C-alpha atoms as a PDB file:
ATOM      1  CA  UNK A   1      23.472  -9.326   3.874  1.00  0.00           C
ATOM      2  CA  UNK A   2      20.188 -10.713   2.628  1.00  0.00           C
ATOM      3  CA  UNK A   3      19.338 -14.313   3.433  1.00  0.00           C
ATOM      4  CA  UNK A   4      17.378 -16.928   1.531  1.00  0.00           C
ATOM      5  CA  UNK A   5      15.804 -19.897   3.279  1.00  0.00           C
ATOM      6  CA  UNK A   6      15.689 -23.181   1.367  1.00  0.00           C
ATOM      7  CA  UNK A   7      13.205 -25.466   3.091  1.00  0.00           C
ATOM      8  CA  UNK A   8      12.691 -28.991   1.770  1.00  0.00           C
ATOM      9  CA  UNK A   9      10.675 -30.250   4.725  1.00  0.00           C
ATOM     10  CA  UNK A  10       8.234 -32.648   3.090  1.00  0.00           C
ATOM     11  CA  UNK A  11      10.832 -34.666   1.177  1.00  0.00           C
ATOM     12  CA  UNK A  12      11.910 -38.200   2.174  1.00  0.00           C
ATOM     13  CA  UNK A  13      15.158 -36.668   3.490  1.00  0.00           C
ATOM     14  CA  UNK A  14      14.102 -33.216   4.730  1.00  0.00           C
ATOM     15  CA  UNK A  15      16.601 -30.386   4.904  1.00  0.00           C
ATOM     16  CA  UNK A  16      16.684 -26.706   5.729  1.00  0.00           C
ATOM     17  CA  UNK A  17      19.401 -24.236   4.809  1.00  0.00           C
ATOM     18  CA  UNK A  18      20.120 -20.543   4.892  1.00  0.00           C
ATOM     19  CA  UNK A  19      22.156 -19.032   2.093  1.00  0.00           C
ATOM     20  CA  UNK A  20      23.425 -15.599   1.110  1.00  0.00           C
ATOM     21  CA  UNK A  21      20.923 -14.408  -1.460  1.00  0.00           C
ATOM     22  CA  UNK A  22      23.519 -12.578  -3.566  1.00  0.00           C
ATOM     23  CA  UNK A  23      26.294 -15.177  -3.716  1.00  0.00           C
ATOM     24  CA  UNK A  24      24.241 -18.335  -3.146  1.00  0.00           C
ATOM     25  CA  UNK A  25      26.772 -19.508  -0.538  1.00  0.00           C
ATOM     26  CA  UNK A  26      25.265 -21.822   2.076  1.00  0.00           C
ATOM     27  CA  UNK A  27      25.705 -20.332   5.537  1.00  0.00           C
ATOM     28  CA  UNK A  28      23.914 -22.936   7.676  1.00  0.00           C
ATOM     29  CA  UNK A  29      22.293 -26.280   6.965  1.00  0.00           C
ATOM     30  CA  UNK A  30      20.245 -28.761   8.989  1.00  0.00           C
ATOM     31  CA  UNK A  31      19.314 -32.356   8.136  1.00  0.00           C
ATOM     32  CA  UNK A  32      18.049 -35.469   9.903  1.00  0.00           C
ATOM     33  CA  UNK A  33      18.154 -35.483  13.714  1.00  0.00           C
ATOM     34  CA  UNK A  34      19.681 -32.001  13.777  1.00  0.00           C
ATOM     35  CA  UNK A  35      16.686 -30.617  11.858  1.00  0.00           C
ATOM     36  CA  UNK A  36      14.230 -32.475  14.083  1.00  0.00           C
ATOM     37  CA  UNK A  37      15.905 -31.055  17.203  1.00  0.00           C
ATOM     38  CA  UNK A  38      15.740 -27.540  15.760  1.00  0.00           C
ATOM     39  CA  UNK A  39      11.981 -27.831  15.289  1.00  0.00           C
ATOM     40  CA  UNK A  40      11.311 -29.322  18.714  1.00  0.00           C
ATOM     41  CA  UNK A  41      13.597 -26.874  20.498  1.00  0.00           C
ATOM     42  CA  UNK A  42      12.392 -23.741  18.775  1.00  0.00           C
ATOM     43  CA  UNK A  43       8.711 -24.408  18.349  1.00  0.00           C
ATOM     44  CA  UNK A  44       8.944 -23.946  14.582  1.00  0.00           C
ATOM     45  CA  UNK A  45       6.488 -25.667  12.267  1.00  0.00           C
ATOM     46  CA  UNK A  46       6.703 -26.388   8.549  1.00  0.00           C
ATOM     47  CA  UNK A  47       3.977 -23.824   7.835  1.00  0.00           C
ATOM     48  CA  UNK A  48       6.353 -21.094   9.070  1.00  0.00           C
ATOM     49  CA  UNK A  49       8.303 -21.569   5.835  1.00  0.00           C
ATOM     50  CA  UNK A  50       5.491 -21.596   3.301  1.00  0.00           C
ATOM     51  CA  UNK A  51       4.248 -18.518   1.492  1.00  0.00           C
ATOM     52  CA  UNK A  52       6.572 -16.107   3.234  1.00  0.00           C
ATOM     53  CA  UNK A  53       7.774 -12.908   1.658  1.00  0.00           C
ATOM     54  CA  UNK A  54      11.135 -11.195   1.898  1.00  0.00           C
ATOM     55  CA  UNK A  55      10.600  -9.665   5.355  1.00  0.00           C
ATOM     56  CA  UNK A  56       9.246 -12.896   6.803  1.00  0.00           C
ATOM     57  CA  UNK A  57      12.237 -14.850   5.440  1.00  0.00           C
ATOM     58  CA  UNK A  58      14.654 -12.394   7.021  1.00  0.00           C
ATOM     59  CA  UNK A  59      12.856 -12.700  10.378  1.00  0.00           C
ATOM     60  CA  UNK A  60      12.877 -16.513  10.144  1.00  0.00           C
ATOM     61  CA  UNK A  61      16.582 -16.510   9.268  1.00  0.00           C
ATOM     62  CA  UNK A  62      17.353 -14.385  12.346  1.00  0.00           C
ATOM     63  CA  UNK A  63      15.270 -16.717  14.511  1.00  0.00           C
ATOM     64  CA  UNK A  64      17.127 -19.757  13.160  1.00  0.00           C
ATOM     65  CA  UNK A  65      20.504 -18.126  13.818  1.00  0.00           C
ATOM     66  CA  UNK A  66      19.436 -17.339  17.396  1.00  0.00           C
ATOM     67  CA  UNK A  67      18.175 -20.882  17.988  1.00  0.00           C
ATOM     68  CA  UNK A  68      21.557 -22.230  16.897  1.00  0.00           C
ATOM     69  CA  UNK A  69      23.327 -19.926  19.338  1.00  0.00           C
ATOM     70  CA  UNK A  70      21.416 -21.561  22.201  1.00  0.00           C
ATOM     71  CA  UNK A  71      23.311 -24.858  21.757  1.00  0.00           C
END
């Protein structure tokens, strides 16, 4: 399965989601306080999501999945 990261971090209501690249189905989604907690807990920064290629997106998706498993 190939993942696509949709990061809308500089919008008035920021959101981050991971979807299946082939089907477009949303697999995970973070908004509001949940998104803020993800960034503070995992040490991620908005720049991690800009200008990243296919391999970098797959690595970020795995990292996000692992961070969610820590809850």
